[in-house]
């Protein structure tokens, strides 16, 4: 009787142990945190690869005495990998396939969709229309650094050749080879040193030349966690830093009229470790500037997501 009683009391415990083990094994993949493991984040470019991203830029500009100006710009971007050498350096062409613009100003709303009209509603947005189409062919290393910016001069000439002379002069001033190179360098986010662990950080500084100085932005990337999502390792990154600080050109009178104090960066990103591609990025900033004695505050949000 004693042995029978003992056998019956242990059976439920055994079933409970098996049920607990089964429940643990059946947890969804998102719950599987890979903390403690070292990972190496590198782009996995392969010849013939095509990726499409949606870029959404939202901003609100507060100008004293004028009321807020809000803007949302959507771009569809295509990345084509034309060639990859033995070291993993990839020749890449990035194209802007479509731009959609929605604005609300004190003078009324404006909208533009490049799929409907080649020309934007206002001349000051001619630079946006010029971006439609393929960009220069650049060479990007596996860690995201730019090895070769390509032939910027030829590409810029093709952008402005159909514009009138006044518009050509404006575009050439705004889109110098150095400015475009800085923009491209920001497109491929740096991936830090090899073999990083949770909590490790690295930073990336970009300088964009302006007619009256240089605009400097520094983004700090921190590895928050590595999780298993649908059978793949996904690195989740926290973003911080400073954006838009102006280093004025000495002696330039324009530099005395415009001051860019910059602002803080906050955001996050997800990188597919196994495929070697960014899945998403979100960056929010509050930037302060002054022009001719007026203080202007620009709040912006930039989101990038990989399209299926």
C-alpha atoms as a PDB file:
ATOM      1  CA  UNK A   1       0.000   0.000   0.000  1.00  0.00           C
ATOM      2  CA  UNK A   2       2.806   2.342   0.809  1.00  0.00           C
ATOM      3  CA  UNK A   3       4.545   1.751  -2.503  1.00  0.00           C
ATOM      4  CA  UNK A   4       1.285   2.158  -4.409  1.00  0.00           C
ATOM      5  CA  UNK A   5       0.544   5.448  -2.660  1.00  0.00           C
ATOM      6  CA  UNK A   6       4.075   6.646  -3.371  1.00  0.00           C
ATOM      7  CA  UNK A   7       3.767   5.728  -7.094  1.00  0.00           C
ATOM      8  CA  UNK A   8       0.494   7.635  -7.440  1.00  0.00           C
ATOM      9  CA  UNK A   9       1.855  10.754  -5.774  1.00  0.00           C
ATOM     10  CA  UNK A  10       4.864  10.934  -8.096  1.00  0.00           C
ATOM     11  CA  UNK A  11       2.947  10.564 -11.376  1.00  0.00           C
ATOM     12  CA  UNK A  12       1.310  14.037 -11.307  1.00  0.00           C
ATOM     13  CA  UNK A  13       4.646  15.569 -10.462  1.00  0.00           C
ATOM     14  CA  UNK A  14       6.197  13.864 -13.451  1.00  0.00           C
ATOM     15  CA  UNK A  15       3.446  15.058 -15.746  1.00  0.00           C
ATOM     16  CA  UNK A  16       3.794  18.576 -14.315  1.00  0.00           C
ATOM     17  CA  UNK A  17       7.541  18.530 -14.961  1.00  0.00           C
ATOM     18  CA  UNK A  18       6.991  17.391 -18.552  1.00  0.00           C
ATOM     19  CA  UNK A  19       4.302  20.041 -19.076  1.00  0.00           C
ATOM     20  CA  UNK A  20       6.580  22.763 -17.701  1.00  0.00           C
ATOM     21  CA  UNK A  21       9.445  21.615 -19.948  1.00  0.00           C
ATOM     22  CA  UNK A  22       7.147  21.506 -22.984  1.00  0.00           C
ATOM     23  CA  UNK A  23       5.852  25.018 -22.260  1.00  0.00           C
ATOM     24  CA  UNK A  24       9.419  26.301 -22.048  1.00  0.00           C
ATOM     25  CA  UNK A  25      10.337  24.678 -25.355  1.00  0.00           C
ATOM     26  CA  UNK A  26       7.254  26.090 -27.066  1.00  0.00           C
ATOM     27  CA  UNK A  27       7.938  29.719 -26.145  1.00  0.00           C
ATOM     28  CA  UNK A  28       7.763  31.947 -29.245  1.00  0.00           C
ATOM     29  CA  UNK A  29      11.143  32.753 -30.856  1.00  0.00           C
ATOM     30  CA  UNK A  30      10.921  36.438 -29.809  1.00  0.00           C
ATOM     31  CA  UNK A  31      11.350  35.291 -26.209  1.00  0.00           C
ATOM     32  CA  UNK A  32      14.715  33.660 -26.883  1.00  0.00           C
ATOM     33  CA  UNK A  33      17.236  36.291 -25.825  1.00  0.00           C
ATOM     34  CA  UNK A  34      20.783  35.495 -26.959  1.00  0.00           C
ATOM     35  CA  UNK A  35      22.415  37.715 -24.329  1.00  0.00           C
ATOM     36  CA  UNK A  36      26.001  36.875 -23.496  1.00  0.00           C
ATOM     37  CA  UNK A  37      26.919  35.861 -27.028  1.00  0.00           C
ATOM     38  CA  UNK A  38      29.332  37.846 -29.150  1.00  0.00           C
ATOM     39  CA  UNK A  39      28.128  38.777 -32.637  1.00  0.00           C
ATOM     40  CA  UNK A  40      29.687  40.397 -35.668  1.00  0.00           C
ATOM     41  CA  UNK A  41      27.437  42.780 -37.560  1.00  0.00           C
ATOM     42  CA  UNK A  42      28.338  42.924 -41.241  1.00  0.00           C
ATOM     43  CA  UNK A  43      26.408  43.595 -44.453  1.00  0.00           C
ATOM     44  CA  UNK A  44      25.710  40.435 -46.418  1.00  0.00           C
ATOM     45  CA  UNK A  45      25.776  41.910 -49.916  1.00  0.00           C
ATOM     46  CA  UNK A  46      25.663  39.396 -52.773  1.00  0.00           C
ATOM     47  CA  UNK A  47      25.816  40.072 -56.495  1.00  0.00           C
ATOM     48  CA  UNK A  48      22.346  40.599 -57.945  1.00  0.00           C
ATOM     49  CA  UNK A  49      20.729  41.360 -54.575  1.00  0.00           C
ATOM     50  CA  UNK A  50      17.916  43.930 -54.664  1.00  0.00           C
ATOM     51  CA  UNK A  51      16.444  45.571 -51.570  1.00  0.00           C
ATOM     52  CA  UNK A  52      13.646  48.111 -51.307  1.00  0.00           C
ATOM     53  CA  UNK A  53      13.114  50.417 -48.359  1.00  0.00           C
ATOM     54  CA  UNK A  54      10.480  52.953 -47.430  1.00  0.00           C
ATOM     55  CA  UNK A  55      11.928  56.132 -45.942  1.00  0.00           C
ATOM     56  CA  UNK A  56       9.492  58.375 -44.046  1.00  0.00           C
ATOM     57  CA  UNK A  57      10.683  61.796 -42.847  1.00  0.00           C
ATOM     58  CA  UNK A  58       8.293  63.838 -40.693  1.00  0.00           C
ATOM     59  CA  UNK A  59       9.134  67.270 -39.322  1.00  0.00           C
ATOM     60  CA  UNK A  60       7.556  70.238 -37.583  1.00  0.00           C
ATOM     61  CA  UNK A  61       9.221  73.645 -37.819  1.00  0.00           C
ATOM     62  CA  UNK A  62       8.287  76.355 -35.347  1.00  0.00           C
ATOM     63  CA  UNK A  63       8.966  79.867 -36.659  1.00  0.00           C
ATOM     64  CA  UNK A  64       8.059  82.816 -34.382  1.00  0.00           C
ATOM     65  CA  UNK A  65       5.131  84.814 -35.739  1.00  0.00           C
ATOM     66  CA  UNK A  66       4.358  82.336 -38.529  1.00  0.00           C
ATOM     67  CA  UNK A  67       2.930  79.260 -36.855  1.00  0.00           C
ATOM     68  CA  UNK A  68       4.089  75.663 -37.340  1.00  0.00           C
ATOM     69  CA  UNK A  69       5.088  74.180 -40.679  1.00  0.00           C
ATOM     70  CA  UNK A  70       4.610  70.407 -40.849  1.00  0.00           C
ATOM     71  CA  UNK A  71       5.971  68.149 -43.547  1.00  0.00           C
ATOM     72  CA  UNK A  72       5.927  64.440 -44.309  1.00  0.00           C
ATOM     73  CA  UNK A  73       8.072  63.045 -47.090  1.00  0.00           C
ATOM     74  CA  UNK A  74       7.989  59.419 -48.221  1.00  0.00           C
ATOM     75  CA  UNK A  75      10.596  57.898 -50.490  1.00  0.00           C
ATOM     76  CA  UNK A  76      10.778  54.439 -52.015  1.00  0.00           C
ATOM     77  CA  UNK A  77      14.437  53.456 -52.313  1.00  0.00           C
ATOM     78  CA  UNK A  78      15.946  50.599 -54.294  1.00  0.00           C
ATOM     79  CA  UNK A  79      19.402  49.196 -53.580  1.00  0.00           C
ATOM     80  CA  UNK A  80      21.014  47.088 -56.319  1.00  0.00           C
ATOM     81  CA  UNK A  81      24.213  45.126 -55.682  1.00  0.00           C
ATOM     82  CA  UNK A  82      26.052  45.089 -59.005  1.00  0.00           C
ATOM     83  CA  UNK A  83      29.227  43.285 -57.995  1.00  0.00           C
ATOM     84  CA  UNK A  84      31.029  41.956 -54.903  1.00  0.00           C
ATOM     85  CA  UNK A  85      34.786  41.395 -54.789  1.00  0.00           C
ATOM     86  CA  UNK A  86      36.718  38.779 -52.840  1.00  0.00           C
ATOM     87  CA  UNK A  87      36.851  40.948 -49.718  1.00  0.00           C
ATOM     88  CA  UNK A  88      33.111  41.555 -49.660  1.00  0.00           C
ATOM     89  CA  UNK A  89      33.282  45.121 -50.979  1.00  0.00           C
ATOM     90  CA  UNK A  90      30.093  45.726 -52.949  1.00  0.00           C
ATOM     91  CA  UNK A  91      29.413  48.021 -55.896  1.00  0.00           C
ATOM     92  CA  UNK A  92      25.981  49.417 -55.188  1.00  0.00           C
ATOM     93  CA  UNK A  93      23.544  51.684 -56.976  1.00  0.00           C
ATOM     94  CA  UNK A  94      20.826  53.317 -54.893  1.00  0.00           C
ATOM     95  CA  UNK A  95      17.809  54.697 -56.754  1.00  0.00           C
ATOM     96  CA  UNK A  96      14.927  56.868 -55.619  1.00  0.00           C
ATOM     97  CA  UNK A  97      11.873  55.365 -57.256  1.00  0.00           C
ATOM     98  CA  UNK A  98       9.176  57.612 -55.815  1.00  0.00           C
ATOM     99  CA  UNK A  99       8.767  60.682 -53.594  1.00  0.00           C
ATOM    100  CA  UNK A 100       5.531  61.750 -51.914  1.00  0.00           C
ATOM    101  CA  UNK A 101       5.333  65.089 -50.122  1.00  0.00           C
ATOM    102  CA  UNK A 102       2.630  66.484 -47.837  1.00  0.00           C
ATOM    103  CA  UNK A 103       3.002  69.933 -46.285  1.00  0.00           C
ATOM    104  CA  UNK A 104       0.839  72.145 -44.082  1.00  0.00           C
ATOM    105  CA  UNK A 105       1.977  75.777 -43.996  1.00  0.00           C
ATOM    106  CA  UNK A 106       0.424  79.043 -42.772  1.00  0.00           C
ATOM    107  CA  UNK A 107      -0.211  79.785 -46.477  1.00  0.00           C
ATOM    108  CA  UNK A 108      -2.099  76.534 -46.982  1.00  0.00           C
ATOM    109  CA  UNK A 109      -1.408  72.851 -47.761  1.00  0.00           C
ATOM    110  CA  UNK A 110       0.809  71.520 -50.531  1.00  0.00           C
ATOM    111  CA  UNK A 111       1.228  67.989 -51.825  1.00  0.00           C
ATOM    112  CA  UNK A 112       3.210  66.240 -54.526  1.00  0.00           C
ATOM    113  CA  UNK A 113       3.586  62.675 -55.737  1.00  0.00           C
ATOM    114  CA  UNK A 114       6.320  62.019 -58.286  1.00  0.00           C
ATOM    115  CA  UNK A 115       4.225  59.138 -59.645  1.00  0.00           C
ATOM    116  CA  UNK A 116       1.638  61.706 -60.803  1.00  0.00           C
ATOM    117  CA  UNK A 117       3.776  64.696 -61.743  1.00  0.00           C
ATOM    118  CA  UNK A 118       7.461  65.125 -62.546  1.00  0.00           C
ATOM    119  CA  UNK A 119       7.555  68.678 -61.181  1.00  0.00           C
ATOM    120  CA  UNK A 120       6.961  69.509 -57.484  1.00  0.00           C
ATOM    121  CA  UNK A 121       4.434  72.237 -56.570  1.00  0.00           C
ATOM    122  CA  UNK A 122       7.045  74.870 -55.657  1.00  0.00           C
ATOM    123  CA  UNK A 123      10.430  75.741 -57.219  1.00  0.00           C
ATOM    124  CA  UNK A 124      12.191  75.422 -53.850  1.00  0.00           C
ATOM    125  CA  UNK A 125      11.578  71.673 -53.977  1.00  0.00           C
ATOM    126  CA  UNK A 126      13.274  71.217 -57.327  1.00  0.00           C
ATOM    127  CA  UNK A 127      16.101  69.425 -55.549  1.00  0.00           C
ATOM    128  CA  UNK A 128      13.662  66.668 -54.580  1.00  0.00           C
ATOM    129  CA  UNK A 129      12.595  66.113 -58.171  1.00  0.00           C
ATOM    130  CA  UNK A 130      16.255  65.928 -59.204  1.00  0.00           C
ATOM    131  CA  UNK A 131      16.763  62.976 -56.828  1.00  0.00           C
ATOM    132  CA  UNK A 132      14.310  60.760 -58.714  1.00  0.00           C
ATOM    133  CA  UNK A 133      16.121  58.024 -60.619  1.00  0.00           C
ATOM    134  CA  UNK A 134      19.384  56.097 -60.191  1.00  0.00           C
ATOM    135  CA  UNK A 135      22.193  57.551 -58.128  1.00  0.00           C
ATOM    136  CA  UNK A 136      25.941  57.153 -58.580  1.00  0.00           C
ATOM    137  CA  UNK A 137      27.542  53.723 -58.276  1.00  0.00           C
ATOM    138  CA  UNK A 138      29.396  53.550 -54.966  1.00  0.00           C
ATOM    139  CA  UNK A 139      31.562  50.886 -53.330  1.00  0.00           C
ATOM    140  CA  UNK A 140      30.665  49.941 -49.770  1.00  0.00           C
ATOM    141  CA  UNK A 141      32.704  47.781 -47.422  1.00  0.00           C
ATOM    142  CA  UNK A 142      31.054  45.041 -45.359  1.00  0.00           C
ATOM    143  CA  UNK A 143      31.215  47.239 -42.232  1.00  0.00           C
ATOM    144  CA  UNK A 144      29.206  49.992 -43.988  1.00  0.00           C
ATOM    145  CA  UNK A 145      32.070  52.397 -44.621  1.00  0.00           C
ATOM    146  CA  UNK A 146      32.297  54.049 -48.029  1.00  0.00           C
ATOM    147  CA  UNK A 147      35.296  52.811 -50.056  1.00  0.00           C
ATOM    148  CA  UNK A 148      34.533  54.764 -53.246  1.00  0.00           C
ATOM    149  CA  UNK A 149      31.882  57.446 -53.835  1.00  0.00           C
ATOM    150  CA  UNK A 150      31.922  56.967 -57.615  1.00  0.00           C
ATOM    151  CA  UNK A 151      31.785  59.690 -60.271  1.00  0.00           C
ATOM    152  CA  UNK A 152      29.847  62.406 -58.472  1.00  0.00           C
ATOM    153  CA  UNK A 153      30.504  65.104 -61.061  1.00  0.00           C
ATOM    154  CA  UNK A 154      28.955  63.144 -63.934  1.00  0.00           C
ATOM    155  CA  UNK A 155      25.927  62.205 -61.852  1.00  0.00           C
ATOM    156  CA  UNK A 156      25.373  65.786 -60.688  1.00  0.00           C
ATOM    157  CA  UNK A 157      25.599  67.048 -64.275  1.00  0.00           C
ATOM    158  CA  UNK A 158      22.919  64.585 -65.329  1.00  0.00           C
ATOM    159  CA  UNK A 159      20.707  65.821 -62.469  1.00  0.00           C
ATOM    160  CA  UNK A 160      20.790  69.499 -63.394  1.00  0.00           C
ATOM    161  CA  UNK A 161      21.222  69.432 -67.175  1.00  0.00           C
ATOM    162  CA  UNK A 162      17.481  69.758 -67.889  1.00  0.00           C
ATOM    163  CA  UNK A 163      16.974  72.639 -65.438  1.00  0.00           C
ATOM    164  CA  UNK A 164      16.987  76.313 -66.362  1.00  0.00           C
ATOM    165  CA  UNK A 165      20.261  78.214 -65.664  1.00  0.00           C
ATOM    166  CA  UNK A 166      19.010  79.785 -62.416  1.00  0.00           C
ATOM    167  CA  UNK A 167      17.863  76.427 -61.068  1.00  0.00           C
ATOM    168  CA  UNK A 168      21.127  74.804 -62.169  1.00  0.00           C
ATOM    169  CA  UNK A 169      23.113  77.334 -60.166  1.00  0.00           C
ATOM    170  CA  UNK A 170      20.987  76.713 -57.047  1.00  0.00           C
ATOM    171  CA  UNK A 171      21.219  72.929 -57.332  1.00  0.00           C
ATOM    172  CA  UNK A 172      24.962  72.996 -57.940  1.00  0.00           C
ATOM    173  CA  UNK A 173      25.409  75.107 -54.803  1.00  0.00           C
ATOM    174  CA  UNK A 174      23.219  72.848 -52.659  1.00  0.00           C
ATOM    175  CA  UNK A 175      24.434  69.551 -54.110  1.00  0.00           C
ATOM    176  CA  UNK A 176      28.189  69.694 -54.314  1.00  0.00           C
ATOM    177  CA  UNK A 177      30.041  66.363 -54.670  1.00  0.00           C
ATOM    178  CA  UNK A 178      31.104  66.647 -51.020  1.00  0.00           C
ATOM    179  CA  UNK A 179      27.501  67.174 -49.868  1.00  0.00           C
ATOM    180  CA  UNK A 180      26.199  64.208 -51.868  1.00  0.00           C
ATOM    181  CA  UNK A 181      29.051  62.022 -50.622  1.00  0.00           C
ATOM    182  CA  UNK A 182      28.103  62.936 -47.046  1.00  0.00           C
ATOM    183  CA  UNK A 183      24.484  62.019 -47.733  1.00  0.00           C
ATOM    184  CA  UNK A 184      25.477  58.671 -49.229  1.00  0.00           C
ATOM    185  CA  UNK A 185      27.769  57.940 -46.290  1.00  0.00           C
ATOM    186  CA  UNK A 186      24.723  58.305 -44.028  1.00  0.00           C
ATOM    187  CA  UNK A 187      22.716  55.837 -46.136  1.00  0.00           C
ATOM    188  CA  UNK A 188      24.938  52.893 -45.180  1.00  0.00           C
ATOM    189  CA  UNK A 189      25.034  52.817 -41.417  1.00  0.00           C
ATOM    190  CA  UNK A 190      28.305  51.732 -39.785  1.00  0.00           C
ATOM    191  CA  UNK A 191      28.352  48.374 -38.048  1.00  0.00           C
ATOM    192  CA  UNK A 192      31.107  48.815 -35.499  1.00  0.00           C
ATOM    193  CA  UNK A 193      34.008  46.531 -34.618  1.00  0.00           C
ATOM    194  CA  UNK A 194      33.986  42.761 -34.968  1.00  0.00           C
ATOM    195  CA  UNK A 195      32.802  40.508 -32.131  1.00  0.00           C
ATOM    196  CA  UNK A 196      30.684  42.889 -30.071  1.00  0.00           C
ATOM    197  CA  UNK A 197      28.687  42.024 -26.951  1.00  0.00           C
ATOM    198  CA  UNK A 198      25.544  43.388 -25.305  1.00  0.00           C
ATOM    199  CA  UNK A 199      26.219  46.942 -24.109  1.00  0.00           C
ATOM    200  CA  UNK A 200      29.069  47.653 -26.539  1.00  0.00           C
ATOM    201  CA  UNK A 201      28.907  50.995 -28.404  1.00  0.00           C
ATOM    202  CA  UNK A 202      30.500  52.638 -31.433  1.00  0.00           C
ATOM    203  CA  UNK A 203      29.999  56.028 -33.036  1.00  0.00           C
ATOM    204  CA  UNK A 204      29.904  57.501 -36.515  1.00  0.00           C
ATOM    205  CA  UNK A 205      30.522  61.151 -37.416  1.00  0.00           C
ATOM    206  CA  UNK A 206      29.427  62.702 -40.711  1.00  0.00           C
ATOM    207  CA  UNK A 207      30.403  66.189 -41.901  1.00  0.00           C
ATOM    208  CA  UNK A 208      28.276  67.756 -44.634  1.00  0.00           C
ATOM    209  CA  UNK A 209      29.761  70.884 -46.244  1.00  0.00           C
ATOM    210  CA  UNK A 210      27.490  73.908 -46.581  1.00  0.00           C
ATOM    211  CA  UNK A 211      28.101  77.170 -48.451  1.00  0.00           C
ATOM    212  CA  UNK A 212      28.989  78.854 -45.139  1.00  0.00           C
ATOM    213  CA  UNK A 213      30.536  76.063 -43.062  1.00  0.00           C
ATOM    214  CA  UNK A 214      30.237  72.401 -42.122  1.00  0.00           C
ATOM    215  CA  UNK A 215      27.333  70.615 -40.442  1.00  0.00           C
ATOM    216  CA  UNK A 216      28.525  67.863 -38.101  1.00  0.00           C
ATOM    217  CA  UNK A 217      26.430  64.970 -36.790  1.00  0.00           C
ATOM    218  CA  UNK A 218      27.549  62.109 -34.550  1.00  0.00           C
ATOM    219  CA  UNK A 219      25.444  59.003 -33.972  1.00  0.00           C
ATOM    220  CA  UNK A 220      26.244  56.514 -31.196  1.00  0.00           C
ATOM    221  CA  UNK A 221      25.110  52.900 -31.700  1.00  0.00           C
ATOM    222  CA  UNK A 222      24.708  50.570 -28.693  1.00  0.00           C
ATOM    223  CA  UNK A 223      23.919  46.860 -28.915  1.00  0.00           C
ATOM    224  CA  UNK A 224      20.925  46.315 -26.618  1.00  0.00           C
ATOM    225  CA  UNK A 225      20.150  42.665 -27.295  1.00  0.00           C
ATOM    226  CA  UNK A 226      20.301  39.852 -29.821  1.00  0.00           C
ATOM    227  CA  UNK A 227      17.062  37.874 -30.173  1.00  0.00           C
ATOM    228  CA  UNK A 228      15.907  34.971 -32.321  1.00  0.00           C
ATOM    229  CA  UNK A 229      13.092  36.052 -34.661  1.00  0.00           C
ATOM    230  CA  UNK A 230      11.616  33.479 -37.054  1.00  0.00           C
ATOM    231  CA  UNK A 231      14.778  31.422 -36.745  1.00  0.00           C
ATOM    232  CA  UNK A 232      17.177  34.313 -37.459  1.00  0.00           C
ATOM    233  CA  UNK A 233      19.335  36.373 -35.140  1.00  0.00           C
ATOM    234  CA  UNK A 234      18.211  40.011 -34.935  1.00  0.00           C
ATOM    235  CA  UNK A 235      20.375  42.641 -33.247  1.00  0.00           C
ATOM    236  CA  UNK A 236      18.475  45.474 -31.572  1.00  0.00           C
ATOM    237  CA  UNK A 237      20.400  48.724 -31.337  1.00  0.00           C
ATOM    238  CA  UNK A 238      19.816  51.916 -29.354  1.00  0.00           C
ATOM    239  CA  UNK A 239      20.765  55.189 -31.074  1.00  0.00           C
ATOM    240  CA  UNK A 240      21.855  58.442 -29.435  1.00  0.00           C
ATOM    241  CA  UNK A 241      24.157  61.396 -30.172  1.00  0.00           C
ATOM    242  CA  UNK A 242      24.016  64.901 -31.621  1.00  0.00           C
ATOM    243  CA  UNK A 243      22.899  66.165 -35.022  1.00  0.00           C
ATOM    244  CA  UNK A 244      23.305  69.366 -37.023  1.00  0.00           C
ATOM    245  CA  UNK A 245      25.986  71.299 -35.171  1.00  0.00           C
ATOM    246  CA  UNK A 246      27.441  74.031 -37.391  1.00  0.00           C
ATOM    247  CA  UNK A 247      31.139  74.735 -37.648  1.00  0.00           C
ATOM    248  CA  UNK A 248      31.093  78.095 -39.486  1.00  0.00           C
ATOM    249  CA  UNK A 249      33.493  79.054 -42.243  1.00  0.00           C
ATOM    250  CA  UNK A 250      35.829  81.655 -40.810  1.00  0.00           C
ATOM    251  CA  UNK A 251      35.154  85.098 -42.271  1.00  0.00           C
ATOM    252  CA  UNK A 252      31.967  84.119 -44.112  1.00  0.00           C
ATOM    253  CA  UNK A 253      29.301  86.795 -43.434  1.00  0.00           C
ATOM    254  CA  UNK A 254      26.530  84.217 -43.877  1.00  0.00           C
ATOM    255  CA  UNK A 255      27.862  82.242 -40.931  1.00  0.00           C
ATOM    256  CA  UNK A 256      27.155  85.188 -38.656  1.00  0.00           C
ATOM    257  CA  UNK A 257      23.513  85.247 -39.771  1.00  0.00           C
ATOM    258  CA  UNK A 258      22.744  81.533 -39.321  1.00  0.00           C
ATOM    259  CA  UNK A 259      23.533  79.523 -36.209  1.00  0.00           C
ATOM    260  CA  UNK A 260      22.844  75.812 -35.943  1.00  0.00           C
ATOM    261  CA  UNK A 261      23.036  74.655 -32.350  1.00  0.00           C
ATOM    262  CA  UNK A 262      22.142  71.101 -33.253  1.00  0.00           C
ATOM    263  CA  UNK A 263      20.076  68.740 -31.148  1.00  0.00           C
ATOM    264  CA  UNK A 264      19.967  65.386 -29.442  1.00  0.00           C
ATOM    265  CA  UNK A 265      19.423  62.106 -31.296  1.00  0.00           C
ATOM    266  CA  UNK A 266      17.333  59.245 -29.949  1.00  0.00           C
ATOM    267  CA  UNK A 267      16.123  56.118 -31.692  1.00  0.00           C
ATOM    268  CA  UNK A 268      16.538  52.432 -32.347  1.00  0.00           C
ATOM    269  CA  UNK A 269      17.303  49.970 -35.139  1.00  0.00           C
ATOM    270  CA  UNK A 270      17.027  46.279 -35.960  1.00  0.00           C
ATOM    271  CA  UNK A 271      19.685  44.435 -37.965  1.00  0.00           C
ATOM    272  CA  UNK A 272      19.269  40.921 -39.326  1.00  0.00           C
ATOM    273  CA  UNK A 273      22.587  39.341 -38.350  1.00  0.00           C
ATOM    274  CA  UNK A 274      22.191  36.265 -40.554  1.00  0.00           C
ATOM    275  CA  UNK A 275      21.020  38.053 -43.729  1.00  0.00           C
ATOM    276  CA  UNK A 276      23.273  41.064 -43.161  1.00  0.00           C
ATOM    277  CA  UNK A 277      20.631  43.767 -43.754  1.00  0.00           C
ATOM    278  CA  UNK A 278      18.953  46.477 -41.708  1.00  0.00           C
ATOM    279  CA  UNK A 279      15.289  45.716 -41.084  1.00  0.00           C
ATOM    280  CA  UNK A 280      14.360  49.103 -39.649  1.00  0.00           C
ATOM    281  CA  UNK A 281      15.727  52.331 -38.217  1.00  0.00           C
ATOM    282  CA  UNK A 282      13.994  55.098 -36.259  1.00  0.00           C
ATOM    283  CA  UNK A 283      15.665  58.413 -35.393  1.00  0.00           C
ATOM    284  CA  UNK A 284      14.096  61.386 -33.597  1.00  0.00           C
ATOM    285  CA  UNK A 285      15.753  64.788 -33.198  1.00  0.00           C
ATOM    286  CA  UNK A 286      15.027  68.260 -31.853  1.00  0.00           C
ATOM    287  CA  UNK A 287      17.274  70.811 -33.549  1.00  0.00           C
ATOM    288  CA  UNK A 288      17.631  74.480 -32.647  1.00  0.00           C
ATOM    289  CA  UNK A 289      18.749  77.090 -35.128  1.00  0.00           C
ATOM    290  CA  UNK A 290      18.677  80.864 -35.483  1.00  0.00           C
ATOM    291  CA  UNK A 291      18.434  82.863 -38.701  1.00  0.00           C
ATOM    292  CA  UNK A 292      18.672  86.657 -38.761  1.00  0.00           C
ATOM    293  CA  UNK A 293      17.871  86.871 -35.073  1.00  0.00           C
ATOM    294  CA  UNK A 294      14.870  84.517 -35.131  1.00  0.00           C
ATOM    295  CA  UNK A 295      14.949  81.283 -33.168  1.00  0.00           C
ATOM    296  CA  UNK A 296      13.680  78.228 -35.074  1.00  0.00           C
ATOM    297  CA  UNK A 297      13.022  74.779 -33.604  1.00  0.00           C
ATOM    298  CA  UNK A 298      12.801  71.748 -35.904  1.00  0.00           C
ATOM    299  CA  UNK A 299      11.448  68.466 -34.514  1.00  0.00           C
ATOM    300  CA  UNK A 300      11.909  65.522 -36.869  1.00  0.00           C
ATOM    301  CA  UNK A 301      11.379  61.794 -37.055  1.00  0.00           C
ATOM    302  CA  UNK A 302      13.009  59.574 -39.694  1.00  0.00           C
ATOM    303  CA  UNK A 303      11.924  55.964 -40.154  1.00  0.00           C
ATOM    304  CA  UNK A 304      13.394  53.414 -42.546  1.00  0.00           C
ATOM    305  CA  UNK A 305      11.908  49.940 -43.019  1.00  0.00           C
ATOM    306  CA  UNK A 306      12.704  47.065 -45.322  1.00  0.00           C
ATOM    307  CA  UNK A 307       9.835  46.310 -47.687  1.00  0.00           C
ATOM    308  CA  UNK A 308       8.803  42.674 -48.191  1.00  0.00           C
END
